[in-house]
């Protein structure tokens, strides 16, 4: 899965939901369910997601939407082998990005 977000320090919930092609309510729900999501809130109470939050959201999305984990299963998976699983997910994500770039270059030849 490729999430198209510009590099920034903080992202609003609307642009995060749009990038993941989900409703903002799902992002808020996942925030309540998964303690690894801790977006900052500004004075108005608007959520500001960091790049680390985005990476964690990608991992949650991967577990729940792509691999079909239940919420409880995803929580258990995150707790038991979080760092190893996250490292593997990051490596796979980077390889997929490289693959996408190579395909783009190939198509331009």
N, C-alpha and C. Protein backbone atom coordinates (compact mmCIF):
# COMPACT_ATOMS: atom_id res chain seq x y z
N UNK A 1 0.84 -1.17 0.00
CA UNK A 1 0.00 0.00 0.00
C UNK A 1 0.88 1.23 0.00
N UNK A 2 0.57 2.17 -0.87
CA UNK A 2 1.33 3.41 -0.93
C UNK A 2 0.44 4.56 -0.48
N UNK A 3 0.89 5.26 0.54
CA UNK A 3 0.16 6.41 1.06
C UNK A 3 0.84 7.66 0.52
N UNK A 4 0.07 8.50 -0.14
CA UNK A 4 0.63 9.68 -0.78
C UNK A 4 0.41 10.91 0.11
N UNK A 5 1.41 11.19 0.94
CA UNK A 5 1.36 12.37 1.81
C UNK A 5 2.66 13.15 1.62
N UNK A 6 2.59 14.47 1.55
CA UNK A 6 3.83 15.25 1.47
C UNK A 6 4.60 15.15 2.79
N UNK A 7 5.90 15.38 2.74
CA UNK A 7 6.68 15.34 3.97
C UNK A 7 6.40 16.60 4.79
N UNK A 8 5.85 16.39 5.97
CA UNK A 8 5.54 17.49 6.88
C UNK A 8 5.76 17.02 8.31
N UNK A 9 5.79 17.97 9.23
CA UNK A 9 5.93 17.61 10.64
C UNK A 9 4.61 17.10 11.22
N UNK A 10 3.50 17.67 10.75
CA UNK A 10 2.18 17.30 11.27
C UNK A 10 1.17 17.22 10.14
N UNK A 11 0.21 16.31 10.32
CA UNK A 11 -0.87 16.13 9.35
C UNK A 11 -2.21 16.22 10.07
N UNK A 12 -3.18 16.86 9.45
CA UNK A 12 -4.52 16.93 9.99
C UNK A 12 -5.25 15.62 9.73
N UNK A 13 -6.29 15.37 10.52
CA UNK A 13 -7.01 14.11 10.39
C UNK A 13 -7.68 13.97 9.02
N UNK A 14 -8.12 15.08 8.45
CA UNK A 14 -8.76 15.03 7.13
C UNK A 14 -7.81 14.54 6.05
N UNK A 15 -6.59 15.09 6.04
CA UNK A 15 -5.66 14.66 5.00
C UNK A 15 -5.16 13.23 5.26
N UNK A 16 -5.10 12.83 6.53
CA UNK A 16 -4.71 11.45 6.85
C UNK A 16 -5.79 10.48 6.35
N UNK A 17 -7.04 10.78 6.66
CA UNK A 17 -8.14 9.92 6.23
C UNK A 17 -8.20 9.83 4.71
N UNK A 18 -8.00 10.95 4.03
CA UNK A 18 -8.03 10.97 2.57
C UNK A 18 -6.89 10.12 2.00
N UNK A 19 -5.70 10.23 2.58
CA UNK A 19 -4.54 9.46 2.10
C UNK A 19 -4.78 7.96 2.26
N UNK A 20 -5.45 7.55 3.34
CA UNK A 20 -5.73 6.13 3.59
C UNK A 20 -7.05 5.69 2.94
N UNK A 21 -7.78 6.65 2.37
CA UNK A 21 -9.07 6.38 1.75
C UNK A 21 -10.06 5.75 2.73
N UNK A 22 -10.11 6.34 3.94
CA UNK A 22 -11.05 5.90 4.99
C UNK A 22 -11.72 7.14 5.57
N UNK A 23 -12.75 6.93 6.38
CA UNK A 23 -13.42 8.04 7.05
C UNK A 23 -12.61 8.51 8.25
N UNK A 24 -12.76 9.80 8.60
CA UNK A 24 -12.07 10.32 9.79
C UNK A 24 -12.52 9.58 11.04
N UNK A 25 -13.77 9.10 11.03
CA UNK A 25 -14.27 8.37 12.21
C UNK A 25 -13.46 7.10 12.45
N UNK A 26 -13.00 6.44 11.39
CA UNK A 26 -12.19 5.23 11.55
C UNK A 26 -10.84 5.59 12.16
N UNK A 27 -10.26 6.70 11.73
CA UNK A 27 -8.97 7.14 12.29
C UNK A 27 -9.14 7.43 13.79
N UNK A 28 -10.22 8.13 14.15
CA UNK A 28 -10.48 8.42 15.57
C UNK A 28 -10.70 7.13 16.36
N UNK A 29 -11.43 6.18 15.77
CA UNK A 29 -11.68 4.89 16.42
C UNK A 29 -10.37 4.15 16.66
N UNK A 30 -9.53 4.08 15.64
CA UNK A 30 -8.24 3.41 15.80
C UNK A 30 -7.38 4.10 16.85
N UNK A 31 -7.49 5.42 16.91
CA UNK A 31 -6.73 6.16 17.93
C UNK A 31 -7.13 5.69 19.34
N UNK A 32 -8.43 5.48 19.54
CA UNK A 32 -8.91 5.01 20.85
C UNK A 32 -8.50 3.57 21.12
N UNK A 33 -8.50 2.76 20.09
CA UNK A 33 -8.24 1.33 20.23
C UNK A 33 -6.76 0.97 20.35
N UNK A 34 -5.90 1.72 19.67
CA UNK A 34 -4.48 1.38 19.62
C UNK A 34 -3.66 2.44 20.35
N UNK A 35 -3.01 2.03 21.44
CA UNK A 35 -2.27 3.01 22.25
C UNK A 35 -0.97 3.48 21.60
N UNK A 36 -0.58 2.89 20.47
CA UNK A 36 0.61 3.41 19.78
C UNK A 36 0.29 4.68 19.00
N UNK A 37 -0.99 4.98 18.83
CA UNK A 37 -1.39 6.22 18.15
C UNK A 37 -1.62 7.30 19.19
N UNK A 38 -0.79 8.31 19.15
CA UNK A 38 -0.90 9.40 20.11
C UNK A 38 -0.74 10.75 19.41
N UNK A 39 -1.69 11.11 18.55
CA UNK A 39 -1.54 12.41 17.88
C UNK A 39 -1.63 13.55 18.89
N UNK A 40 -0.87 14.58 18.61
CA UNK A 40 -0.95 15.77 19.46
C UNK A 40 -2.25 16.50 19.12
N UNK A 41 -2.72 17.31 20.04
CA UNK A 41 -3.90 18.12 19.77
C UNK A 41 -3.56 19.58 19.99
N UNK A 42 -4.03 20.43 19.07
CA UNK A 42 -3.76 21.85 19.22
C UNK A 42 -4.78 22.47 20.18
N UNK A 43 -4.71 23.79 20.35
CA UNK A 43 -5.58 24.47 21.32
C UNK A 43 -7.07 24.24 21.02
N UNK A 44 -7.41 24.07 19.75
CA UNK A 44 -8.80 23.83 19.36
C UNK A 44 -9.21 22.37 19.53
N UNK A 45 -8.24 21.51 19.84
CA UNK A 45 -8.53 20.09 20.00
C UNK A 45 -8.38 19.30 18.70
N UNK A 46 -7.88 19.95 17.66
CA UNK A 46 -7.67 19.25 16.39
C UNK A 46 -6.45 18.35 16.48
N UNK A 47 -6.59 17.14 15.96
CA UNK A 47 -5.49 16.17 15.99
C UNK A 47 -4.42 16.56 14.99
N UNK A 48 -3.16 16.39 15.42
CA UNK A 48 -2.01 16.63 14.55
C UNK A 48 -1.16 15.37 14.58
N UNK A 49 -1.18 14.64 13.48
CA UNK A 49 -0.46 13.37 13.39
C UNK A 49 0.97 13.60 12.92
N UNK A 50 1.91 12.94 13.57
CA UNK A 50 3.33 13.04 13.21
C UNK A 50 3.64 11.96 12.17
N UNK A 51 4.81 12.07 11.51
CA UNK A 51 5.21 10.99 10.60
C UNK A 51 5.25 9.62 11.29
N UNK A 52 5.62 9.58 12.57
CA UNK A 52 5.63 8.32 13.32
C UNK A 52 4.20 7.78 13.46
N UNK A 53 3.23 8.67 13.73
CA UNK A 53 1.83 8.25 13.79
C UNK A 53 1.40 7.67 12.44
N UNK A 54 1.82 8.29 11.35
CA UNK A 54 1.46 7.83 10.01
C UNK A 54 2.02 6.43 9.78
N UNK A 55 3.27 6.22 10.18
CA UNK A 55 3.88 4.89 10.03
C UNK A 55 3.10 3.85 10.84
N UNK A 56 2.70 4.21 12.06
CA UNK A 56 1.92 3.29 12.89
C UNK A 56 0.55 3.04 12.28
N UNK A 57 -0.07 4.08 11.70
CA UNK A 57 -1.35 3.91 11.02
C UNK A 57 -1.21 2.98 9.82
N UNK A 58 -0.12 3.12 9.08
CA UNK A 58 0.13 2.23 7.94
C UNK A 58 0.19 0.79 8.41
N UNK A 59 0.85 0.56 9.53
CA UNK A 59 1.00 -0.79 10.06
C UNK A 59 -0.35 -1.33 10.52
N UNK A 60 -1.13 -0.52 11.22
CA UNK A 60 -2.47 -0.94 11.66
C UNK A 60 -3.34 -1.24 10.44
N UNK A 61 -3.30 -0.34 9.45
CA UNK A 61 -4.07 -0.54 8.22
C UNK A 61 -3.68 -1.86 7.56
N UNK A 62 -2.38 -2.11 7.48
CA UNK A 62 -1.87 -3.35 6.88
C UNK A 62 -2.42 -4.57 7.62
N UNK A 63 -2.36 -4.55 8.95
CA UNK A 63 -2.83 -5.69 9.73
C UNK A 63 -4.33 -5.90 9.59
N UNK A 64 -5.09 -4.82 9.75
CA UNK A 64 -6.56 -4.93 9.79
C UNK A 64 -7.18 -5.05 8.40
N UNK A 65 -6.78 -4.17 7.50
CA UNK A 65 -7.43 -4.11 6.18
C UNK A 65 -6.83 -5.07 5.16
N UNK A 66 -5.50 -5.23 5.18
CA UNK A 66 -4.87 -6.05 4.17
C UNK A 66 -4.69 -7.51 4.60
N UNK A 67 -4.38 -7.73 5.87
CA UNK A 67 -4.16 -9.10 6.34
C UNK A 67 -5.37 -9.68 7.05
N UNK A 68 -6.40 -8.85 7.31
CA UNK A 68 -7.65 -9.35 7.88
C UNK A 68 -7.63 -9.66 9.36
N UNK A 69 -6.69 -9.05 10.10
CA UNK A 69 -6.67 -9.26 11.55
C UNK A 69 -7.90 -8.63 12.18
N UNK A 70 -8.41 -9.24 13.26
CA UNK A 70 -9.41 -8.57 14.08
C UNK A 70 -8.68 -7.47 14.86
N UNK A 71 -9.43 -6.56 15.48
CA UNK A 71 -8.79 -5.52 16.28
C UNK A 71 -7.99 -6.14 17.41
N UNK A 72 -8.58 -7.14 18.08
CA UNK A 72 -7.87 -7.79 19.18
C UNK A 72 -6.63 -8.52 18.68
N UNK A 73 -6.75 -9.17 17.54
CA UNK A 73 -5.60 -9.85 16.95
C UNK A 73 -4.49 -8.87 16.59
N UNK A 74 -4.88 -7.74 16.03
CA UNK A 74 -3.89 -6.72 15.67
C UNK A 74 -3.21 -6.16 16.92
N UNK A 75 -3.99 -5.93 17.98
CA UNK A 75 -3.42 -5.42 19.23
C UNK A 75 -2.41 -6.41 19.81
N UNK A 76 -2.79 -7.68 19.80
CA UNK A 76 -1.89 -8.72 20.32
C UNK A 76 -0.62 -8.78 19.48
N UNK A 77 -0.77 -8.74 18.18
CA UNK A 77 0.38 -8.79 17.27
C UNK A 77 1.31 -7.60 17.53
N UNK A 78 0.72 -6.43 17.73
CA UNK A 78 1.52 -5.23 18.00
C UNK A 78 2.28 -5.35 19.32
N UNK A 79 1.63 -5.91 20.33
CA UNK A 79 2.27 -6.01 21.65
C UNK A 79 3.36 -7.07 21.68
N UNK A 80 3.09 -8.22 21.07
CA UNK A 80 4.01 -9.35 21.18
C UNK A 80 5.29 -9.16 20.40
N UNK A 81 5.17 -8.76 19.18
CA UNK A 81 6.38 -8.66 18.36
C UNK A 81 6.44 -7.34 17.64
N UNK A 82 6.01 -6.29 18.34
CA UNK A 82 5.85 -5.00 17.69
C UNK A 82 7.10 -4.53 16.96
N UNK A 83 8.22 -4.51 17.63
CA UNK A 83 9.41 -3.93 17.00
C UNK A 83 9.87 -4.76 15.81
N UNK A 84 9.90 -6.06 15.98
CA UNK A 84 10.32 -6.92 14.86
C UNK A 84 9.33 -6.82 13.71
N UNK A 85 8.05 -6.88 14.01
CA UNK A 85 7.02 -6.80 12.97
C UNK A 85 7.06 -5.44 12.28
N UNK A 86 7.24 -4.38 13.07
CA UNK A 86 7.28 -3.04 12.50
C UNK A 86 8.51 -2.88 11.62
N UNK A 87 9.65 -3.41 12.06
CA UNK A 87 10.87 -3.35 11.24
C UNK A 87 10.66 -4.07 9.91
N UNK A 88 10.06 -5.26 9.97
CA UNK A 88 9.79 -6.01 8.74
C UNK A 88 8.84 -5.24 7.84
N UNK A 89 7.80 -4.64 8.44
CA UNK A 89 6.84 -3.87 7.66
C UNK A 89 7.51 -2.67 7.00
N UNK A 90 8.40 -1.99 7.72
CA UNK A 90 9.11 -0.84 7.16
C UNK A 90 9.99 -1.26 6.00
N UNK A 91 10.68 -2.40 6.14
CA UNK A 91 11.52 -2.89 5.05
C UNK A 91 10.68 -3.21 3.82
N UNK A 92 9.56 -3.89 4.03
CA UNK A 92 8.67 -4.22 2.91
C UNK A 92 8.12 -2.96 2.27
N UNK A 93 7.74 -1.98 3.08
CA UNK A 93 7.22 -0.71 2.56
C UNK A 93 8.26 -0.01 1.69
N UNK A 94 9.51 0.02 2.17
CA UNK A 94 10.58 0.66 1.40
C UNK A 94 10.84 -0.08 0.09
N UNK A 95 10.84 -1.41 0.15
CA UNK A 95 11.04 -2.19 -1.07
C UNK A 95 9.90 -1.96 -2.07
N UNK A 96 8.67 -1.86 -1.57
CA UNK A 96 7.54 -1.58 -2.46
C UNK A 96 7.66 -0.20 -3.10
N UNK A 97 8.17 0.77 -2.34
CA UNK A 97 8.37 2.12 -2.89
C UNK A 97 9.44 2.09 -3.97
N UNK A 98 10.52 1.35 -3.74
CA UNK A 98 11.59 1.21 -4.74
C UNK A 98 11.03 0.53 -5.99
N UNK A 99 10.24 -0.53 -5.79
CA UNK A 99 9.64 -1.24 -6.91
C UNK A 99 8.76 -0.30 -7.73
N UNK A 100 7.94 0.51 -7.06
CA UNK A 100 7.06 1.45 -7.75
C UNK A 100 7.88 2.46 -8.57
N UNK A 101 8.99 2.93 -7.99
CA UNK A 101 9.86 3.87 -8.71
C UNK A 101 10.48 3.20 -9.94
N UNK A 102 10.94 1.96 -9.78
CA UNK A 102 11.55 1.24 -10.90
C UNK A 102 10.55 1.01 -12.02
N UNK A 103 9.32 0.66 -11.65
CA UNK A 103 8.27 0.46 -12.66
C UNK A 103 7.99 1.77 -13.39
N UNK A 104 7.97 2.87 -12.63
CA UNK A 104 7.74 4.18 -13.23
C UNK A 104 8.85 4.52 -14.22
N UNK A 105 10.08 4.25 -13.84
CA UNK A 105 11.23 4.51 -14.72
C UNK A 105 11.13 3.62 -15.97
N UNK A 106 10.81 2.33 -15.75
CA UNK A 106 10.69 1.40 -16.88
C UNK A 106 9.65 1.87 -17.87
N UNK A 107 8.52 2.36 -17.35
CA UNK A 107 7.43 2.81 -18.23
C UNK A 107 7.79 4.08 -19.00
N UNK A 108 8.79 4.80 -18.52
CA UNK A 108 9.22 6.03 -19.21
C UNK A 108 10.24 5.75 -20.30
N UNK A 109 10.75 4.52 -20.35
CA UNK A 109 11.76 4.17 -21.36
C UNK A 109 11.14 4.00 -22.73
